[in-house]
């Protein structure tokens, strides 16, 4: 799989990567927790947008 980050999903992954670099906690568990929260919120918003149509 390539590292092409020009599409919308690639830009989202790049923004997520930059967000983790700015986080004060450097241990893997805090990053995993915040990453899980971020993706859960994203998919919840997409689900709500689709079901409210």
N, C-alpha and C. Protein backbone atom coordinates (compact mmCIF):
# COMPACT_ATOMS: atom_id res chain seq x y z
N UNK A 1 0.85 -1.18 0.00
CA UNK A 1 0.00 0.00 0.00
C UNK A 1 0.89 1.24 0.00
N UNK A 2 0.59 2.17 -0.85
CA UNK A 2 1.40 3.36 -0.99
C UNK A 2 1.15 4.38 0.10
N UNK A 3 1.95 5.42 0.08
CA UNK A 3 1.82 6.48 1.07
C UNK A 3 1.24 7.73 0.43
N UNK A 4 0.42 7.55 -0.61
CA UNK A 4 -0.22 8.67 -1.31
C UNK A 4 -1.29 9.27 -0.41
N UNK A 5 -1.12 10.52 -0.01
CA UNK A 5 -2.07 11.16 0.90
C UNK A 5 -2.66 12.41 0.25
N UNK A 6 -3.05 12.27 -1.01
CA UNK A 6 -3.60 13.43 -1.71
C UNK A 6 -5.11 13.45 -1.69
N UNK A 7 -5.76 12.33 -1.46
CA UNK A 7 -7.21 12.27 -1.44
C UNK A 7 -7.76 12.73 -0.10
N UNK A 8 -9.08 12.77 0.03
CA UNK A 8 -9.70 13.21 1.28
C UNK A 8 -9.33 12.30 2.46
N UNK A 9 -9.32 10.98 2.23
CA UNK A 9 -8.97 10.07 3.31
C UNK A 9 -7.49 10.22 3.68
N UNK A 10 -6.65 10.41 2.70
CA UNK A 10 -5.23 10.62 2.96
C UNK A 10 -4.97 11.89 3.75
N UNK A 11 -5.71 12.93 3.42
CA UNK A 11 -5.56 14.18 4.16
C UNK A 11 -6.04 14.03 5.60
N UNK A 12 -7.10 13.24 5.80
CA UNK A 12 -7.59 12.99 7.15
C UNK A 12 -6.57 12.21 7.96
N UNK A 13 -5.95 11.22 7.34
CA UNK A 13 -4.91 10.45 8.03
C UNK A 13 -3.70 11.32 8.35
N UNK A 14 -3.35 12.22 7.45
CA UNK A 14 -2.23 13.13 7.70
C UNK A 14 -2.55 14.08 8.85
N UNK A 15 -3.77 14.59 8.91
CA UNK A 15 -4.17 15.47 10.00
C UNK A 15 -4.15 14.71 11.33
N UNK A 16 -4.58 13.45 11.30
CA UNK A 16 -4.54 12.64 12.51
C UNK A 16 -3.10 12.43 12.98
N UNK A 17 -2.22 12.18 12.04
CA UNK A 17 -0.80 12.00 12.37
C UNK A 17 -0.22 13.26 12.99
N UNK A 18 -0.53 14.41 12.44
CA UNK A 18 -0.03 15.67 12.99
C UNK A 18 -0.63 15.93 14.36
N UNK A 19 -1.89 15.55 14.58
CA UNK A 19 -2.52 15.71 15.88
C UNK A 19 -1.78 14.90 16.94
N UNK A 20 -1.37 13.68 16.59
CA UNK A 20 -0.67 12.84 17.56
C UNK A 20 0.72 13.36 17.86
N UNK A 21 1.34 14.03 16.92
CA UNK A 21 2.65 14.61 17.18
C UNK A 21 2.55 15.78 18.17
N UNK A 22 1.41 16.46 18.19
CA UNK A 22 1.23 17.61 19.08
C UNK A 22 0.77 17.22 20.48
N UNK A 23 0.37 15.97 20.66
CA UNK A 23 -0.13 15.52 21.96
C UNK A 23 0.98 15.51 23.00
N UNK A 24 0.67 15.93 24.23
CA UNK A 24 1.71 15.94 25.27
C UNK A 24 2.12 14.54 25.72
N UNK A 25 1.18 13.58 25.75
CA UNK A 25 1.49 12.23 26.18
C UNK A 25 2.14 11.45 25.06
N UNK A 26 3.30 10.91 25.27
CA UNK A 26 4.02 10.22 24.21
C UNK A 26 3.88 8.70 24.29
N UNK A 27 3.23 8.16 25.33
CA UNK A 27 3.12 6.70 25.39
C UNK A 27 2.05 6.21 24.43
N UNK A 28 2.20 4.99 24.00
CA UNK A 28 1.37 4.42 22.94
C UNK A 28 -0.08 4.25 23.38
N UNK A 29 -0.31 4.00 24.67
CA UNK A 29 -1.68 3.76 25.12
C UNK A 29 -2.53 5.01 25.07
N UNK A 30 -1.98 6.16 25.41
CA UNK A 30 -2.76 7.39 25.33
C UNK A 30 -3.04 7.75 23.87
N UNK A 31 -2.07 7.51 22.99
CA UNK A 31 -2.30 7.77 21.57
C UNK A 31 -3.37 6.84 21.02
N UNK A 32 -3.33 5.57 21.42
CA UNK A 32 -4.32 4.61 20.96
C UNK A 32 -5.71 5.00 21.46
N UNK A 33 -5.81 5.46 22.71
CA UNK A 33 -7.09 5.88 23.27
C UNK A 33 -7.65 7.08 22.51
N UNK A 34 -6.84 8.10 22.29
CA UNK A 34 -7.32 9.29 21.58
C UNK A 34 -7.60 8.99 20.11
N UNK A 35 -6.82 8.10 19.51
CA UNK A 35 -7.09 7.71 18.13
C UNK A 35 -8.43 7.00 18.03
N UNK A 36 -8.71 6.13 19.00
CA UNK A 36 -9.99 5.42 19.01
C UNK A 36 -11.15 6.39 19.19
N UNK A 37 -10.99 7.36 20.07
CA UNK A 37 -12.04 8.37 20.27
C UNK A 37 -12.26 9.20 19.01
N UNK A 38 -11.19 9.57 18.35
CA UNK A 38 -11.28 10.37 17.14
C UNK A 38 -12.03 9.63 16.04
N UNK A 39 -11.68 8.37 15.79
CA UNK A 39 -12.33 7.61 14.74
C UNK A 39 -13.77 7.27 15.11
N UNK A 40 -14.04 7.00 16.39
CA UNK A 40 -15.41 6.75 16.82
C UNK A 40 -16.28 7.98 16.57
N UNK A 41 -15.75 9.16 16.90
CA UNK A 41 -16.50 10.39 16.68
C UNK A 41 -16.74 10.62 15.19
N UNK A 42 -15.73 10.36 14.37
CA UNK A 42 -15.87 10.55 12.93
C UNK A 42 -16.94 9.62 12.36
N UNK A 43 -16.87 8.34 12.69
CA UNK A 43 -17.85 7.40 12.15
C UNK A 43 -19.25 7.65 12.72
N UNK A 44 -19.32 8.12 13.95
CA UNK A 44 -20.64 8.46 14.52
C UNK A 44 -21.27 9.62 13.78
N UNK A 45 -20.47 10.62 13.45
CA UNK A 45 -20.98 11.78 12.71
C UNK A 45 -21.42 11.37 11.30
N UNK A 46 -20.66 10.52 10.66
CA UNK A 46 -21.04 10.05 9.33
C UNK A 46 -22.33 9.24 9.42
N UNK A 47 -22.44 8.37 10.40
CA UNK A 47 -23.65 7.58 10.58
C UNK A 47 -24.87 8.48 10.82
N UNK A 48 -24.72 9.47 11.69
CA UNK A 48 -25.83 10.38 11.97
C UNK A 48 -26.22 11.18 10.72
N UNK A 49 -25.23 11.60 9.95
CA UNK A 49 -25.53 12.35 8.73
C UNK A 49 -26.28 11.50 7.71
N UNK A 50 -25.90 10.23 7.59
CA UNK A 50 -26.55 9.36 6.62
C UNK A 50 -27.95 8.98 7.07
N UNK A 51 -28.12 8.66 8.35
CA UNK A 51 -29.43 8.22 8.81
C UNK A 51 -30.43 9.35 8.97
N UNK A 52 -29.94 10.59 9.05
CA UNK A 52 -30.89 11.71 9.21
C UNK A 52 -31.44 12.20 7.87
N UNK A 53 -30.97 11.65 6.77
CA UNK A 53 -31.47 12.08 5.46
C UNK A 53 -32.87 11.62 5.20
